[in-house]
Amino acid sequence: MTSSNVEDYLKTIYQLQQEAAGGDGWAAGSGPDVSTSALAERLSVAPASVTSMIQRLAQVELLTYTPYQGVHLTTQGEKMALRVIRRHRLLELYLAERLGLSWDQVHEEAERLEHHISPTLEERIAAALGNPQVDPHGHPIPTVAGEVAAPPSTPLDALAVGQDAFVLSVQDNDPELLRYLAARELYPGMAVVITEREPFGGPLHLRVGSPAPGRVYTLSLAAAARVRVSTTVPAIPPPAAPSDPAPTAC
């Protein structure tokens, strides 16, 4: 087991646990189970390879594995996952703020770098950025101690028509999705309200931005499900939206 391979598995399990828990966190070492098939799909590896790897990770007590039920991280496995997630999200923000990469570029670049920076460089990056709390996509950056601020949130597609909300975070591993959301100004911190739902599973009509009237956009249900929102003003200041104007969308 190479260290980067172990980190990839632990980070992915943590992210799948977070998605299964609705993005609101859980007690350390007690996250929801993740199926081996979901893990294989997310990592793009064969199910047999996943089973072999998680059995070895279970032997060193980084996760708990129950055949036909799934896996969840132990406290130690969660700590290791949060360390690599901290590096990843700091790198994303540094690439965006200091090197000018767009928010649909930084995830892939951070994936390449996250296993290869030292703790010293990690903390220098954090200090240079002012010890930030969220990455460019609105996800909380774990502290050095492994603490994560996970405010309550809900998927955008679960909002009622006319209910005011603020974008908290967006799923970051699909560049095409991020460009689609950018065209509709759905950055963390943006005010949003659903003005209409098309029937029979059709798209949503949104008003984005404040003060009223804002801008009106159309958004697919699939994309809306990958945007997390809060009905209260975010306690943690969101990252600055890209300075380039968003393309016009209908």
C-alpha atoms as a PDB file:
ATOM      1  CA  MET A   1       0.000   0.000   0.000  1.00  0.00           C
ATOM      2  CA  THR A   2       1.556   3.285  -1.060  1.00  0.00           C
ATOM      3  CA  SER A   3       0.837   6.289   1.130  1.00  0.00           C
ATOM      4  CA  SER A   4      -0.870   8.164  -1.733  1.00  0.00           C
ATOM      5  CA  ASN A   5      -3.091   5.161  -2.469  1.00  0.00           C
ATOM      6  CA  VAL A   6      -4.055   4.856   1.191  1.00  0.00           C
ATOM      7  CA  GLU A   7      -4.818   8.588   1.354  1.00  0.00           C
ATOM      8  CA  ASP A   8      -6.976   8.392  -1.774  1.00  0.00           C
ATOM      9  CA  TYR A   9      -9.047   5.578  -0.290  1.00  0.00           C
ATOM     10  CA  LEU A  10      -9.487   7.239   3.098  1.00  0.00           C
ATOM     11  CA  LYS A  11     -10.341  10.617   1.578  1.00  0.00           C
ATOM     12  CA  THR A  12     -12.883   9.069  -0.802  1.00  0.00           C
ATOM     13  CA  ILE A  13     -14.539   7.042   1.948  1.00  0.00           C
ATOM     14  CA  TYR A  14     -14.797  10.191   4.072  1.00  0.00           C
ATOM     15  CA  GLN A  15     -16.388  12.117   1.208  1.00  0.00           C
ATOM     16  CA  LEU A  16     -18.880   9.325   0.496  1.00  0.00           C
ATOM     17  CA  GLN A  17     -19.728   9.132   4.210  1.00  0.00           C
ATOM     18  CA  GLN A  18     -20.296  12.887   4.218  1.00  0.00           C
ATOM     19  CA  GLU A  19     -22.607  12.661   1.208  1.00  0.00           C
ATOM     20  CA  ALA A  20     -24.527   9.805   2.821  1.00  0.00           C
ATOM     21  CA  ALA A  21     -24.903  11.870   6.001  1.00  0.00           C
ATOM     22  CA  GLY A  22     -26.270  14.828   4.045  1.00  0.00           C
ATOM     23  CA  GLY A  23     -23.109  16.909   4.419  1.00  0.00           C
ATOM     24  CA  ASP A  24     -23.750  17.655   8.090  1.00  0.00           C
ATOM     25  CA  GLY A  25     -21.034  15.513   9.668  1.00  0.00           C
ATOM     26  CA  TRP A  26     -21.079  12.820  12.362  1.00  0.00           C
ATOM     27  CA  ALA A  27     -19.285  11.785  15.511  1.00  0.00           C
ATOM     28  CA  ALA A  28     -15.664  10.805  14.919  1.00  0.00           C
ATOM     29  CA  GLY A  29     -15.280   7.158  13.982  1.00  0.00           C
ATOM     30  CA  SER A  30     -19.022   6.553  13.585  1.00  0.00           C
ATOM     31  CA  GLY A  31     -19.829   7.693  10.048  1.00  0.00           C
ATOM     32  CA  PRO A  32     -22.415   5.911   7.900  1.00  0.00           C
ATOM     33  CA  ASP A  33     -21.395   2.822   5.953  1.00  0.00           C
ATOM     34  CA  VAL A  34     -20.151   3.198   2.392  1.00  0.00           C
ATOM     35  CA  SER A  35     -20.750   0.352  -0.050  1.00  0.00           C
ATOM     36  CA  THR A  36     -17.763  -1.170  -1.816  1.00  0.00           C
ATOM     37  CA  SER A  37     -19.539  -0.689  -5.145  1.00  0.00           C
ATOM     38  CA  ALA A  38     -19.898   3.073  -4.504  1.00  0.00           C
ATOM     39  CA  LEU A  39     -16.222   3.240  -3.562  1.00  0.00           C
ATOM     40  CA  ALA A  40     -15.184   1.323  -6.685  1.00  0.00           C
ATOM     41  CA  GLU A  41     -17.273   3.609  -8.884  1.00  0.00           C
ATOM     42  CA  ARG A  42     -15.891   6.818  -7.349  1.00  0.00           C
ATOM     43  CA  LEU A  43     -12.282   5.599  -7.590  1.00  0.00           C
ATOM     44  CA  SER A  44     -12.783   4.019 -11.055  1.00  0.00           C
ATOM     45  CA  VAL A  45     -11.228   0.720  -9.988  1.00  0.00           C
ATOM     46  CA  ALA A  46     -12.427  -2.880 -10.079  1.00  0.00           C
ATOM     47  CA  PRO A  47     -14.604  -4.026  -7.131  1.00  0.00           C
ATOM     48  CA  ALA A  48     -12.183  -6.877  -6.425  1.00  0.00           C
ATOM     49  CA  SER A  49      -9.326  -4.387  -6.053  1.00  0.00           C
ATOM     50  CA  VAL A  50     -11.402  -2.307  -3.658  1.00  0.00           C
ATOM     51  CA  THR A  51     -12.230  -5.337  -1.520  1.00  0.00           C
ATOM     52  CA  SER A  52      -8.564  -6.302  -1.308  1.00  0.00           C
ATOM     53  CA  MET A  53      -7.520  -2.791  -0.324  1.00  0.00           C
ATOM     54  CA  ILE A  54     -10.178  -2.232   2.317  1.00  0.00           C
ATOM     55  CA  GLN A  55      -9.366  -5.588   3.912  1.00  0.00           C
ATOM     56  CA  ARG A  56      -5.766  -4.400   4.338  1.00  0.00           C
ATOM     57  CA  LEU A  57      -6.904  -1.026   5.674  1.00  0.00           C
ATOM     58  CA  ALA A  58      -9.163  -2.833   8.139  1.00  0.00           C
ATOM     59  CA  GLN A  59      -6.186  -4.886   9.348  1.00  0.00           C
ATOM     60  CA  VAL A  60      -4.329  -1.702  10.307  1.00  0.00           C
ATOM     61  CA  GLU A  61      -7.510  -0.327  11.942  1.00  0.00           C
ATOM     62  CA  LEU A  62      -8.059   2.620   9.588  1.00  0.00           C
ATOM     63  CA  LEU A  63     -11.580   1.463   8.773  1.00  0.00           C
ATOM     64  CA  THR A  64     -14.189  -1.099   9.730  1.00  0.00           C
ATOM     65  CA  TYR A  65     -15.359  -3.482   7.019  1.00  0.00           C
ATOM     66  CA  THR A  66     -18.463  -5.654   7.180  1.00  0.00           C
ATOM     67  CA  PRO A  67     -18.942  -7.894   4.101  1.00  0.00           C
ATOM     68  CA  TYR A  68     -22.156  -7.151   2.170  1.00  0.00           C
ATOM     69  CA  GLN A  69     -22.744  -4.101   4.367  1.00  0.00           C
ATOM     70  CA  GLY A  70     -19.882  -1.724   3.671  1.00  0.00           C
ATOM     71  CA  VAL A  71     -17.121   0.250   5.345  1.00  0.00           C
ATOM     72  CA  HIS A  72     -16.737   3.255   7.595  1.00  0.00           C
ATOM     73  CA  LEU A  73     -13.670   5.030   8.879  1.00  0.00           C
ATOM     74  CA  THR A  74     -12.306   4.548  12.357  1.00  0.00           C
ATOM     75  CA  THR A  75     -11.266   7.605  14.359  1.00  0.00           C
ATOM     76  CA  GLN A  76      -7.679   7.160  13.167  1.00  0.00           C
ATOM     77  CA  GLY A  77      -8.743   6.683   9.558  1.00  0.00           C
ATOM     78  CA  GLU A  78     -10.873   9.817   9.741  1.00  0.00           C
ATOM     79  CA  LYS A  79      -7.929  11.827  11.101  1.00  0.00           C
ATOM     80  CA  MET A  80      -5.761  10.720   8.192  1.00  0.00           C
ATOM     81  CA  ALA A  81      -8.523  11.528   5.692  1.00  0.00           C
ATOM     82  CA  LEU A  82      -8.952  15.007   7.148  1.00  0.00           C
ATOM     83  CA  ARG A  83      -5.225  15.705   6.893  1.00  0.00           C
ATOM     84  CA  VAL A  84      -5.204  15.071   3.160  1.00  0.00           C
ATOM     85  CA  ILE A  85      -8.503  16.947   2.705  1.00  0.00           C
ATOM     86  CA  ARG A  86      -6.961  19.934   4.498  1.00  0.00           C
ATOM     87  CA  ARG A  87      -3.994  19.914   2.116  1.00  0.00           C
ATOM     88  CA  HIS A  88      -6.285  19.506  -0.903  1.00  0.00           C
ATOM     89  CA  ARG A  89      -8.587  22.389  -0.026  1.00  0.00           C
ATOM     90  CA  LEU A  90      -5.736  24.722   0.916  1.00  0.00           C
ATOM     91  CA  LEU A  91      -4.111  23.953  -2.429  1.00  0.00           C
ATOM     92  CA  GLU A  92      -7.357  24.644  -4.274  1.00  0.00           C
ATOM     93  CA  LEU A  93      -7.662  28.048  -2.639  1.00  0.00           C
ATOM     94  CA  TYR A  94      -4.004  28.910  -3.191  1.00  0.00           C
ATOM     95  CA  LEU A  95      -4.228  27.953  -6.876  1.00  0.00           C
ATOM     96  CA  ALA A  96      -7.354  30.056  -7.271  1.00  0.00           C
ATOM     97  CA  GLU A  97      -6.403  33.138  -5.256  1.00  0.00           C
ATOM     98  CA  ARG A  98      -2.655  33.365  -5.830  1.00  0.00           C
ATOM     99  CA  LEU A  99      -2.172  31.705  -9.228  1.00  0.00           C
ATOM    100  CA  GLY A 100      -5.435  32.703 -10.874  1.00  0.00           C
ATOM    101  CA  LEU A 101      -6.761  29.271 -11.834  1.00  0.00           C
ATOM    102  CA  SER A 102     -10.523  29.070 -12.316  1.00  0.00           C
ATOM    103  CA  TRP A 103     -12.668  27.111  -9.889  1.00  0.00           C
ATOM    104  CA  ASP A 104     -13.198  24.356 -12.484  1.00  0.00           C
ATOM    105  CA  GLN A 105      -9.399  23.845 -12.786  1.00  0.00           C
ATOM    106  CA  VAL A 106      -8.186  23.781  -9.193  1.00  0.00           C
ATOM    107  CA  HIS A 107      -9.619  20.418  -8.108  1.00  0.00           C
ATOM    108  CA  GLU A 108      -7.677  18.342 -10.607  1.00  0.00           C
ATOM    109  CA  GLU A 109      -4.442  20.246  -9.944  1.00  0.00           C
ATOM    110  CA  ALA A 110      -4.861  19.861  -6.175  1.00  0.00           C
ATOM    111  CA  GLU A 111      -5.439  16.114  -6.653  1.00  0.00           C
ATOM    112  CA  ARG A 112      -1.970  15.885  -8.202  1.00  0.00           C
ATOM    113  CA  LEU A 113      -0.259  17.895  -5.468  1.00  0.00           C
ATOM    114  CA  GLU A 114      -2.029  16.900  -2.245  1.00  0.00           C
ATOM    115  CA  HIS A 115       0.183  13.858  -1.536  1.00  0.00           C
ATOM    116  CA  HIS A 116       3.460  15.661  -2.104  1.00  0.00           C
ATOM    117  CA  ILE A 117       3.614  18.758   0.079  1.00  0.00           C
ATOM    118  CA  SER A 118       5.250  18.770   3.507  1.00  0.00           C
ATOM    119  CA  PRO A 119       3.542  19.879   6.724  1.00  0.00           C
ATOM    120  CA  THR A 120       5.797  22.950   6.687  1.00  0.00           C
ATOM    121  CA  LEU A 121       4.680  23.975   3.197  1.00  0.00           C
ATOM    122  CA  GLU A 122       1.060  23.233   4.113  1.00  0.00           C
ATOM    123  CA  GLU A 123       1.199  25.652   7.035  1.00  0.00           C
ATOM    124  CA  ARG A 124       3.058  28.289   5.002  1.00  0.00           C
ATOM    125  CA  ILE A 125       0.258  28.133   2.427  1.00  0.00           C
ATOM    126  CA  ALA A 126      -2.375  28.415   5.168  1.00  0.00           C
ATOM    127  CA  ALA A 127      -0.599  31.416   6.708  1.00  0.00           C
ATOM    128  CA  ALA A 128      -0.176  33.121   3.323  1.00  0.00           C
ATOM    129  CA  LEU A 129      -3.942  32.790   2.770  1.00  0.00           C
ATOM    130  CA  GLY A 130      -4.805  34.112   6.229  1.00  0.00           C
ATOM    131  CA  ASN A 131      -5.742  30.687   7.660  1.00  0.00           C
ATOM    132  CA  PRO A 132      -8.940  30.394   5.595  1.00  0.00           C
ATOM    133  CA  GLN A 133     -11.967  28.377   6.637  1.00  0.00           C
ATOM    134  CA  VAL A 134     -13.458  27.427   3.256  1.00  0.00           C
ATOM    135  CA  ASP A 135     -12.128  26.464  -0.183  1.00  0.00           C
ATOM    136  CA  PRO A 136     -13.225  27.978  -3.531  1.00  0.00           C
ATOM    137  CA  HIS A 137     -16.217  25.631  -3.705  1.00  0.00           C
ATOM    138  CA  GLY A 138     -17.442  26.495  -0.210  1.00  0.00           C
ATOM    139  CA  HIS A 139     -16.258  23.315   1.534  1.00  0.00           C
ATOM    140  CA  PRO A 140     -14.853  23.737   5.061  1.00  0.00           C
ATOM    141  CA  ILE A 141     -11.088  23.414   5.422  1.00  0.00           C
ATOM    142  CA  PRO A 142     -10.238  21.115   8.353  1.00  0.00           C
ATOM    143  CA  THR A 143      -8.033  22.612  11.052  1.00  0.00           C
ATOM    144  CA  VAL A 144      -4.613  21.192  11.910  1.00  0.00           C
ATOM    145  CA  ALA A 145      -6.323  19.421  14.819  1.00  0.00           C
ATOM    146  CA  GLY A 146      -8.800  17.762  12.441  1.00  0.00           C
ATOM    147  CA  GLU A 147     -11.829  19.838  13.366  1.00  0.00           C
ATOM    148  CA  VAL A 148     -14.370  20.629  10.664  1.00  0.00           C
ATOM    149  CA  ALA A 149     -17.065  23.285  10.743  1.00  0.00           C
ATOM    150  CA  ALA A 150     -20.034  21.638   9.009  1.00  0.00           C
ATOM    151  CA  PRO A 151     -23.042  23.986   9.121  1.00  0.00           C
ATOM    152  CA  PRO A 152     -26.476  22.465   8.454  1.00  0.00           C
ATOM    153  CA  SER A 153     -27.393  22.513   4.791  1.00  0.00           C
ATOM    154  CA  THR A 154     -29.860  21.118   2.295  1.00  0.00           C
ATOM    155  CA  PRO A 155     -29.717  20.373  -1.442  1.00  0.00           C
ATOM    156  CA  LEU A 156     -30.909  23.254  -3.590  1.00  0.00           C
ATOM    157  CA  ASP A 157     -33.482  21.025  -5.276  1.00  0.00           C
ATOM    158  CA  ALA A 158     -35.145  20.406  -1.877  1.00  0.00           C
ATOM    159  CA  LEU A 159     -36.053  24.082  -1.370  1.00  0.00           C
ATOM    160  CA  ALA A 160     -39.668  25.135  -1.569  1.00  0.00           C
ATOM    161  CA  VAL A 161     -40.719  27.668  -4.176  1.00  0.00           C
ATOM    162  CA  GLY A 162     -40.226  31.171  -2.786  1.00  0.00           C
ATOM    163  CA  GLN A 163     -37.910  30.070   0.046  1.00  0.00           C
ATOM    164  CA  ASP A 164     -34.865  32.344   0.377  1.00  0.00           C
ATOM    165  CA  ALA A 165     -31.457  30.675   0.782  1.00  0.00           C
ATOM    166  CA  PHE A 166     -27.722  31.154   0.343  1.00  0.00           C
ATOM    167  CA  VAL A 167     -25.367  28.852  -1.557  1.00  0.00           C
ATOM    168  CA  LEU A 168     -23.019  27.106   0.898  1.00  0.00           C
ATOM    169  CA  SER A 169     -21.049  24.751  -1.332  1.00  0.00           C
ATOM    170  CA  VAL A 170     -21.038  22.931  -4.650  1.00  0.00           C
ATOM    171  CA  GLN A 171     -19.717  19.531  -5.665  1.00  0.00           C
ATOM    172  CA  ASP A 172     -16.235  20.133  -7.013  1.00  0.00           C
ATOM    173  CA  ASN A 173     -15.090  17.054  -8.931  1.00  0.00           C
ATOM    174  CA  ASP A 174     -16.831  17.776 -12.258  1.00  0.00           C
ATOM    175  CA  PRO A 175     -15.366  20.712 -14.260  1.00  0.00           C
ATOM    176  CA  GLU A 176     -18.319  20.736 -16.652  1.00  0.00           C
ATOM    177  CA  LEU A 177     -20.749  21.073 -13.740  1.00  0.00           C
ATOM    178  CA  LEU A 178     -18.708  23.927 -12.273  1.00  0.00           C
ATOM    179  CA  ARG A 179     -18.746  25.811 -15.571  1.00  0.00           C
ATOM    180  CA  TYR A 180     -22.511  25.226 -15.787  1.00  0.00           C
ATOM    181  CA  LEU A 181     -23.008  26.612 -12.262  1.00  0.00           C
ATOM    182  CA  ALA A 182     -20.684  29.563 -12.911  1.00  0.00           C
ATOM    183  CA  ALA A 183     -22.825  30.531 -15.905  1.00  0.00           C
ATOM    184  CA  ARG A 184     -25.699  30.821 -13.424  1.00  0.00           C
ATOM    185  CA  GLU A 185     -23.655  32.659 -10.749  1.00  0.00           C
ATOM    186  CA  LEU A 186     -24.171  29.855  -8.240  1.00  0.00           C
ATOM    187  CA  TYR A 187     -21.067  30.615  -6.202  1.00  0.00           C
ATOM    188  CA  PRO A 188     -20.837  30.140  -2.415  1.00  0.00           C
ATOM    189  CA  GLY A 189     -22.470  33.047  -0.621  1.00  0.00           C
ATOM    190  CA  MET A 190     -24.876  33.952  -3.425  1.00  0.00           C
ATOM    191  CA  ALA A 191     -28.515  34.530  -2.478  1.00  0.00           C
ATOM    192  CA  VAL A 192     -30.917  32.257  -4.345  1.00  0.00           C
ATOM    193  CA  VAL A 193     -34.634  31.546  -4.448  1.00  0.00           C
ATOM    194  CA  ILE A 194     -36.610  29.089  -6.573  1.00  0.00           C
ATOM    195  CA  THR A 195     -39.296  31.028  -8.411  1.00  0.00           C
ATOM    196  CA  GLU A 196     -40.873  28.124 -10.315  1.00  0.00           C
ATOM    197  CA  ARG A 197     -40.649  24.340 -10.709  1.00  0.00           C
ATOM    198  CA  GLU A 198     -41.431  22.876 -14.095  1.00  0.00           C
ATOM    199  CA  PRO A 199     -43.804  19.879 -13.789  1.00  0.00           C
ATOM    200  CA  PHE A 200     -42.917  16.218 -14.452  1.00  0.00           C
ATOM    201  CA  GLY A 201     -39.326  16.511 -13.269  1.00  0.00           C
ATOM    202  CA  GLY A 202     -38.537  19.562 -15.362  1.00  0.00           C
ATOM    203  CA  PRO A 203     -35.953  22.225 -14.507  1.00  0.00           C
ATOM    204  CA  LEU A 204     -36.048  24.879 -11.814  1.00  0.00           C
ATOM    205  CA  HIS A 205     -36.296  28.620 -12.396  1.00  0.00           C
ATOM    206  CA  LEU A 206     -34.109  30.619  -9.999  1.00  0.00           C
ATOM    207  CA  ARG A 207     -33.548  34.195  -8.983  1.00  0.00           C
ATOM    208  CA  VAL A 208     -29.894  34.606  -8.061  1.00  0.00           C
ATOM    209  CA  GLY A 209     -28.278  37.575  -6.346  1.00  0.00           C
ATOM    210  CA  SER A 210     -29.446  40.481  -4.253  1.00  0.00           C
ATOM    211  CA  PRO A 211     -30.841  43.039  -3.905  1.00  0.00           C
ATOM    212  CA  ALA A 212     -34.004  42.130  -5.783  1.00  0.00           C
ATOM    213  CA  PRO A 213     -34.824  41.472  -8.524  1.00  0.00           C
ATOM    214  CA  GLY A 214     -31.489  39.656  -9.123  1.00  0.00           C
ATOM    215  CA  ARG A 215     -30.941  37.588 -12.263  1.00  0.00           C
ATOM    216  CA  VAL A 216     -33.214  34.775 -13.426  1.00  0.00           C
ATOM    217  CA  TYR A 217     -31.752  31.450 -14.580  1.00  0.00           C
ATOM    218  CA  THR A 218     -32.900  27.941 -15.417  1.00  0.00           C
ATOM    219  CA  LEU A 219     -31.209  25.030 -13.633  1.00  0.00           C
ATOM    220  CA  SER A 220     -31.499  21.283 -14.154  1.00  0.00           C
ATOM    221  CA  LEU A 221     -32.616  19.140 -11.219  1.00  0.00           C
ATOM    222  CA  ALA A 222     -29.452  17.041 -11.496  1.00  0.00           C
ATOM    223  CA  ALA A 223     -27.272  20.126 -11.036  1.00  0.00           C
ATOM    224  CA  ALA A 224     -29.461  21.523  -8.247  1.00  0.00           C
ATOM    225  CA  ALA A 225     -28.996  18.297  -6.276  1.00  0.00           C
ATOM    226  CA  ARG A 226     -25.230  18.966  -6.217  1.00  0.00           C
ATOM    227  CA  VAL A 227     -25.543  22.437  -4.699  1.00  0.00           C
ATOM    228  CA  ARG A 228     -25.864  22.752  -0.902  1.00  0.00           C
ATOM    229  CA  VAL A 229     -27.700  25.752   0.503  1.00  0.00           C
ATOM    230  CA  SER A 230     -28.600  27.261   3.867  1.00  0.00           C
ATOM    231  CA  THR A 231     -31.711  29.232   4.744  1.00  0.00           C
ATOM    232  CA  THR A 232     -29.636  31.444   7.078  1.00  0.00           C
ATOM    233  CA  VAL A 233     -26.701  33.735   6.291  1.00  0.00           C
ATOM    234  CA  PRO A 234     -23.499  31.618   6.384  1.00  0.00           C
ATOM    235  CA  ALA A 235     -21.542  32.113   9.618  1.00  0.00           C
ATOM    236  CA  ILE A 236     -18.260  31.460   7.795  1.00  0.00           C
ATOM    237  CA  PRO A 237     -17.520  34.084   5.130  1.00  0.00           C
ATOM    238  CA  PRO A 238     -17.587  32.414   1.697  1.00  0.00           C
ATOM    239  CA  PRO A 239     -14.605  32.669  -0.659  1.00  0.00           C
ATOM    240  CA  ALA A 240     -14.607  35.546  -3.111  1.00  0.00           C
ATOM    241  CA  ALA A 241     -16.450  34.768  -6.340  1.00  0.00           C
ATOM    242  CA  PRO A 242     -14.341  34.832  -9.514  1.00  0.00           C
ATOM    243  CA  SER A 243     -13.836  38.353 -10.799  1.00  0.00           C
ATOM    244  CA  ASP A 244     -14.590  37.466 -14.415  1.00  0.00           C
ATOM    245  CA  PRO A 245     -18.255  38.081 -15.293  1.00  0.00           C
ATOM    246  CA  ALA A 246     -20.332  34.935 -15.626  1.00  0.00           C
ATOM    247  CA  PRO A 247     -21.613  34.079 -19.119  1.00  0.00           C
ATOM    248  CA  THR A 248     -25.241  34.778 -19.843  1.00  0.00           C
ATOM    249  CA  ALA A 249     -27.519  31.785 -19.308  1.00  0.00           C
ATOM    250  CA  CYS A 250     -31.202  31.284 -19.824  1.00  0.00           C
END
